[in-house]
N, C-alpha and C. Protein backbone atom coordinates (compact mmCIF):
# COMPACT_ATOMS: atom_id res chain seq x y z
N UNK A 1 140.73 82.32 81.52
CA UNK A 1 140.06 82.11 82.57
C UNK A 1 139.03 80.97 81.55
N UNK A 2 138.90 79.42 82.38
CA UNK A 2 137.89 78.62 82.00
C UNK A 2 137.44 78.02 83.65
N UNK A 3 136.01 78.03 82.84
CA UNK A 3 135.17 77.51 84.30
C UNK A 3 134.62 76.31 83.82
N UNK A 4 134.71 75.18 84.92
CA UNK A 4 134.26 74.15 83.90
C UNK A 4 133.27 73.72 85.55
N UNK A 5 131.58 73.57 85.40
CA UNK A 5 130.85 73.36 86.13
C UNK A 5 130.39 71.72 86.30
N UNK A 6 130.02 71.55 87.20
CA UNK A 6 129.18 69.94 87.37
C UNK A 6 128.80 70.04 88.93
N UNK A 7 127.75 69.33 89.31
CA UNK A 7 126.96 68.96 89.88
C UNK A 7 125.05 68.93 89.93
N UNK A 8 124.89 69.02 88.54
CA UNK A 8 123.45 69.58 88.12
C UNK A 8 122.95 68.08 88.23
N UNK A 9 121.32 68.47 87.71
CA UNK A 9 120.95 66.97 87.95
C UNK A 9 119.07 66.83 87.80
N UNK A 10 118.70 65.92 88.36
CA UNK A 10 117.33 65.84 88.28
C UNK A 10 117.06 65.80 89.82
N UNK A 11 116.02 66.07 90.76
CA UNK A 11 116.11 65.87 91.88
C UNK A 11 114.61 66.50 92.64
N UNK A 12 114.13 65.29 93.31
CA UNK A 12 112.40 65.67 93.54
C UNK A 12 112.68 67.14 94.40
N UNK A 13 111.20 67.99 94.48
CA UNK A 13 111.14 69.24 95.59
C UNK A 13 111.07 68.88 96.91
N UNK A 14 112.31 69.60 97.57
CA UNK A 14 112.74 69.47 99.05
C UNK A 14 113.64 68.73 98.92
N UNK A 15 114.25 68.31 98.03
CA UNK A 15 115.63 67.90 97.64
C UNK A 15 116.77 68.95 98.12
N UNK A 16 118.15 68.01 97.66
CA UNK A 16 119.36 69.06 97.70
C UNK A 16 119.93 68.90 96.31
N UNK A 17 120.88 69.86 95.96
CA UNK A 17 121.73 69.47 94.97
C UNK A 17 123.13 70.48 95.58
N UNK A 18 124.03 70.16 95.39
CA UNK A 18 125.48 70.75 94.97
C UNK A 18 126.33 71.02 94.09
N UNK A 19 126.15 71.94 93.24
CA UNK A 19 127.02 72.90 92.16
C UNK A 19 128.32 73.14 92.56
N UNK A 20 129.25 72.89 91.69
CA UNK A 20 130.94 73.13 91.65
C UNK A 20 131.11 73.58 90.34
N UNK A 21 132.05 74.80 90.61
CA UNK A 21 132.77 75.45 89.64
C UNK A 21 134.04 75.63 89.77
N UNK A 22 134.71 75.20 88.83
CA UNK A 22 136.33 74.95 89.08
C UNK A 22 136.78 76.17 88.02
N UNK A 23 137.91 76.79 88.65
CA UNK A 23 138.34 77.76 87.54
C UNK A 23 139.99 77.31 86.93
N UNK A 24 140.26 77.46 85.71
CA UNK A 24 141.77 77.36 85.57
C UNK A 24 142.12 78.20 84.40
N UNK A 25 143.48 78.20 84.31
CA UNK A 25 143.79 79.16 83.35
C UNK A 25 144.76 80.26 84.03
N UNK A 26 144.46 81.55 83.64
CA UNK A 26 145.03 82.50 84.22
C UNK A 26 144.11 83.56 85.00
N UNK A 27 143.87 82.81 85.91
CA UNK A 27 142.90 83.03 87.22
C UNK A 27 143.22 84.53 88.18
N UNK A 28 144.68 84.86 87.91
CA UNK A 28 145.28 85.89 88.78
C UNK A 28 144.13 86.85 88.49
N UNK A 29 143.94 87.30 89.81
CA UNK A 29 142.88 88.91 89.85
C UNK A 29 141.58 88.47 89.43
N UNK A 30 140.97 87.40 89.81
CA UNK A 30 139.51 86.83 90.02
C UNK A 30 138.98 87.53 91.24
N UNK A 31 138.09 88.45 90.89
CA UNK A 31 138.03 89.10 92.20
C UNK A 31 136.50 88.63 92.79
N UNK A 32 135.71 87.76 91.74
CA UNK A 32 134.16 87.27 92.56
C UNK A 32 133.89 86.45 91.48
N UNK A 33 133.14 85.69 92.27
CA UNK A 33 132.51 84.23 91.67
C UNK A 33 131.04 83.94 91.74
N UNK A 34 130.42 83.91 90.99
CA UNK A 34 129.36 83.49 91.40
C UNK A 34 128.15 82.42 90.63
N UNK A 35 127.25 82.38 90.48
CA UNK A 35 126.27 81.38 89.84
C UNK A 35 124.58 82.34 89.30
N UNK A 36 124.43 82.07 88.18
CA UNK A 36 123.54 82.84 87.45
C UNK A 36 122.48 81.80 86.89
N UNK A 37 121.11 81.80 86.88
CA UNK A 37 120.21 81.06 86.12
C UNK A 37 119.27 81.60 85.20
N UNK A 38 118.99 80.64 84.00
CA UNK A 38 118.07 81.24 83.35
C UNK A 38 116.92 79.76 82.67
N UNK A 39 115.92 80.39 82.45
CA UNK A 39 115.01 79.27 81.82
C UNK A 39 114.69 80.14 80.41
N UNK A 40 114.14 79.24 79.71
CA UNK A 40 113.60 79.39 78.25
C UNK A 40 112.77 80.71 78.38
N UNK A 41 113.31 81.56 77.45
CA UNK A 41 112.49 82.96 77.31
C UNK A 41 112.29 84.04 78.70
N UNK A 42 113.35 83.62 79.57
CA UNK A 42 113.56 84.64 80.81
C UNK A 42 114.94 85.35 80.55
N UNK A 43 115.28 86.13 80.88
CA UNK A 43 116.42 86.76 80.97
C UNK A 43 117.50 85.76 82.07
N UNK A 44 118.60 85.78 81.92
CA UNK A 44 119.63 85.45 82.96
C UNK A 44 119.74 86.19 84.26
N UNK A 45 119.49 85.11 85.31
CA UNK A 45 119.13 86.18 86.59
C UNK A 45 120.21 85.60 87.67
N UNK A 46 120.45 86.84 88.36
CA UNK A 46 121.60 86.34 89.62
C UNK A 46 121.08 85.25 90.51
N UNK A 47 121.80 84.47 90.74
CA UNK A 47 121.37 83.42 92.01
C UNK A 47 122.03 83.75 93.35
N UNK A 48 123.62 83.83 93.47
CA UNK A 48 124.15 84.27 94.28
C UNK A 48 125.78 84.53 94.07
N UNK A 49 126.81 85.26 94.62
CA UNK A 49 127.83 85.65 94.17
C UNK A 49 128.88 85.49 95.45
N UNK A 50 129.94 85.24 95.31
CA UNK A 50 131.11 85.45 96.52
C UNK A 50 132.40 86.22 96.25
N UNK A 51 132.77 87.28 97.01
CA UNK A 51 133.84 87.69 96.63
C UNK A 51 135.04 87.21 97.10
N UNK A 52 136.34 87.43 96.23
CA UNK A 52 137.45 86.45 96.90
C UNK A 52 137.57 86.99 98.39
N UNK A 53 137.16 87.93 99.17
CA UNK A 53 137.34 88.10 100.58
C UNK A 53 136.16 87.26 101.33
N UNK A 54 135.08 86.92 100.58
CA UNK A 54 134.09 86.05 101.06
C UNK A 54 132.75 86.55 101.30
N UNK A 55 132.45 87.63 100.83
CA UNK A 55 131.68 88.48 101.41
C UNK A 55 130.62 87.70 100.09
N UNK A 56 129.42 87.40 100.61
CA UNK A 56 128.40 86.58 99.88
C UNK A 56 127.09 87.59 99.40
N UNK A 57 126.39 87.34 98.21
CA UNK A 57 125.06 87.95 97.97
C UNK A 57 124.11 86.78 97.35
N UNK A 58 122.82 87.33 97.69
CA UNK A 58 121.81 86.38 97.42
C UNK A 58 120.91 86.88 96.92
N UNK A 59 120.42 86.09 95.95
CA UNK A 59 119.02 86.96 95.27
C UNK A 59 117.86 86.12 96.59
N UNK A 60 116.91 87.17 96.61
CA UNK A 60 115.94 87.07 97.59
C UNK A 60 114.78 85.86 97.35
N UNK A 61 114.90 85.14 95.99
CA UNK A 61 114.44 83.76 96.23
C UNK A 61 114.80 82.39 96.39
N UNK A 62 116.42 83.14 96.84
CA UNK A 62 117.43 81.95 97.30
C UNK A 62 117.69 81.85 98.64
N UNK A 63 117.52 82.94 99.22
CA UNK A 63 118.32 82.98 100.55
C UNK A 63 116.89 82.47 101.37
N UNK A 64 118.28 81.92 102.34
CA UNK A 64 117.70 80.67 103.69
C UNK A 64 117.75 79.48 103.02
N UNK A 65 117.62 78.90 101.87
CA UNK A 65 117.83 77.80 101.29
C UNK A 65 119.45 77.31 100.40
N UNK A 66 119.48 78.40 99.85
CA UNK A 66 120.96 78.13 99.20
C UNK A 66 122.45 78.90 99.82
N UNK A 67 123.08 78.24 99.68
CA UNK A 67 124.56 78.73 100.25
C UNK A 67 125.96 78.58 99.13
N UNK A 68 126.45 80.05 99.15
CA UNK A 68 127.53 79.78 98.09
C UNK A 68 128.57 80.02 99.07
N UNK A 69 129.74 79.05 98.35
CA UNK A 69 131.22 79.11 99.22
C UNK A 69 132.27 78.85 98.46
N UNK A 70 133.39 79.14 98.56
CA UNK A 70 134.54 79.11 97.58
C UNK A 70 135.64 78.73 98.57
N UNK A 71 136.62 77.61 97.86
CA UNK A 71 137.80 77.00 98.16
C UNK A 71 138.91 77.66 97.33
N UNK A 72 139.41 79.13 98.22
CA UNK A 72 140.24 79.51 97.17
C UNK A 72 141.62 78.81 96.76
N UNK A 73 141.79 77.93 97.75
CA UNK A 73 143.25 77.13 97.33
C UNK A 73 142.92 76.04 95.77
N UNK A 74 141.67 75.84 95.99
CA UNK A 74 140.96 74.87 94.96
C UNK A 74 140.46 75.73 93.72
N UNK A 75 140.71 77.14 94.02
CA UNK A 75 139.86 77.83 92.61
C UNK A 75 138.45 77.39 92.19
N UNK A 76 137.93 77.12 93.28
CA UNK A 76 136.38 76.45 93.10
C UNK A 76 135.26 76.97 94.02
N UNK A 77 134.08 77.37 93.74
CA UNK A 77 133.24 77.86 94.02
C UNK A 77 132.08 76.45 94.24
N UNK A 78 131.34 76.74 94.94
CA UNK A 78 129.85 75.74 95.59
C UNK A 78 128.86 76.58 95.55
N UNK A 79 128.04 75.93 95.14
CA UNK A 79 126.51 76.37 95.40
C UNK A 79 125.55 75.03 96.25
N UNK A 80 125.43 75.35 97.39
CA UNK A 80 124.31 73.85 98.17
C UNK A 80 122.84 74.86 98.05
N UNK A 81 122.18 73.76 97.40
CA UNK A 81 120.83 74.30 97.12
C UNK A 81 120.19 73.52 97.95
N UNK A 82 119.29 73.88 98.86
CA UNK A 82 118.62 73.02 99.67
C UNK A 82 117.15 73.27 99.40
N UNK A 83 116.41 72.31 99.99
CA UNK A 83 114.50 72.81 99.76
C UNK A 83 114.53 73.38 98.29
N UNK A 84 114.68 72.32 97.38
CA UNK A 84 114.35 73.29 96.29
C UNK A 84 112.96 72.65 95.80
N UNK A 85 112.87 73.66 95.22
CA UNK A 85 111.37 73.81 94.15
C UNK A 85 111.28 73.92 92.61
N UNK A 86 110.00 73.37 92.25
CA UNK A 86 110.20 73.37 90.72
C UNK A 86 110.64 74.90 90.22
N UNK A 87 110.48 76.04 91.13
CA UNK A 87 110.59 77.16 90.35
C UNK A 87 112.15 77.37 90.44
N UNK A 88 112.92 76.35 90.51
CA UNK A 88 114.57 76.58 90.49
C UNK A 88 114.94 76.10 90.04
N UNK A 89 114.03 75.33 88.64
CA UNK A 89 114.58 74.63 87.57
C UNK A 89 115.19 75.50 86.58
N UNK A 90 116.16 75.16 86.15
CA UNK A 90 116.71 76.11 85.12
C UNK A 90 118.42 75.54 85.02
N UNK A 91 118.84 76.17 83.79
CA UNK A 91 120.37 76.03 83.45
C UNK A 91 120.99 76.94 84.36
N UNK A 92 121.70 76.41 84.89
CA UNK A 92 122.61 77.26 86.02
C UNK A 92 124.40 77.47 85.50
N UNK A 93 124.49 78.77 85.49
CA UNK A 93 125.85 79.11 84.66
C UNK A 93 126.61 79.92 86.09
N UNK A 94 128.17 79.21 86.05
CA UNK A 94 129.10 79.83 86.79
C UNK A 94 129.69 81.08 86.25
N UNK A 95 129.94 82.05 86.91
CA UNK A 95 130.42 83.26 86.75
C UNK A 95 131.63 83.71 87.35
N UNK A 96 132.44 84.55 86.70
CA UNK A 96 133.88 84.62 87.20
C UNK A 96 134.08 86.28 87.03
N UNK A 97 134.24 87.30 87.86
CA UNK A 97 134.89 88.45 87.63
C UNK A 97 136.21 88.55 87.80
N UNK A 98 137.34 89.00 86.84
CA UNK A 98 138.58 89.28 86.45
C UNK A 98 139.07 90.46 86.46
N UNK A 99 139.77 91.29 87.45
CA UNK A 99 140.01 92.37 87.50
C UNK A 99 141.49 92.39 87.18
N UNK A 100 141.80 92.92 85.82
CA UNK A 100 143.07 93.48 85.48
C UNK A 100 143.62 95.17 84.82
N UNK A 101 144.53 95.37 84.99
CA UNK A 101 144.64 96.57 84.63
C UNK A 101 143.92 97.22 83.63
N UNK A 102 143.63 96.49 82.50
CA UNK A 102 142.84 96.86 81.57
C UNK A 102 141.12 97.15 81.62
N UNK A 103 140.88 96.84 82.96
CA UNK A 103 139.51 96.31 83.44
C UNK A 103 139.04 95.26 83.95
N UNK A 104 137.74 95.22 84.15
CA UNK A 104 137.05 93.74 84.37
C UNK A 104 136.46 93.16 83.30
N UNK A 105 136.80 91.80 83.28
CA UNK A 105 136.39 91.02 82.23
C UNK A 105 135.75 90.27 83.19
N UNK A 106 134.74 89.35 82.35
CA UNK A 106 133.68 88.44 82.94
C UNK A 106 133.49 86.88 82.19
N UNK A 107 134.20 86.17 82.81
CA UNK A 107 133.70 85.19 81.82
C UNK A 107 132.53 83.84 82.50
N UNK A 108 132.16 83.14 81.86
CA UNK A 108 131.33 82.51 82.12
C UNK A 108 131.20 80.69 81.99
N UNK A 109 130.63 80.12 82.46
CA UNK A 109 130.81 78.11 82.15
C UNK A 109 129.68 77.96 81.02
N UNK A 110 129.85 77.20 80.67
CA UNK A 110 128.71 76.31 79.68
C UNK A 110 127.52 75.99 80.17
N UNK A 111 126.95 75.65 81.65
CA UNK A 111 125.45 75.92 82.18
C UNK A 111 125.97 74.42 82.61
N UNK A 112 124.94 74.19 83.54
CA UNK A 112 124.35 72.67 83.94
C UNK A 112 122.99 72.73 84.07
N UNK A 113 122.35 71.88 83.89
CA UNK A 113 120.98 71.50 84.24
C UNK A 113 120.36 71.07 85.37
N UNK A 114 119.38 72.20 86.29
CA UNK A 114 119.13 71.51 87.32
C UNK A 114 117.53 71.62 87.18
N UNK A 115 116.67 70.34 87.29
CA UNK A 115 115.48 70.19 87.19
C UNK A 115 115.00 69.54 88.68
N UNK A 116 113.75 70.12 88.93
CA UNK A 116 112.85 70.16 90.10
C UNK A 116 111.67 69.85 89.06
N UNK A 117 111.03 68.89 89.38
CA UNK A 117 109.73 68.51 88.61
C UNK A 117 108.80 68.78 89.57
N UNK A 118 107.51 69.44 89.29
CA UNK A 118 106.34 69.78 89.67
C UNK A 118 105.76 68.67 90.23
């Protein structure tokens, strides 16, 4: 499974960005996709996830501001980020979990930088 992210960039506080992550390759069995983020010196943290059935989960820090969605026909997951704050500055990584007979396998994208200046 390959994950290709796009949509990061520089945005002023209060602005919006939409991240996209397209999955390709042997994508059969992907049960969940999502976004994590990381800043230097800190652990990678969950932002939002969505299951193949559409169930979504969010970090408390982004609830009400971020919305995750997926287009199963395009094998793509989106993260709409509104009311961005400087604390949202991070590298955002797309993640996919694939359930196969041998177990669950996790894949990561290369990351996309989101910068919200203070």
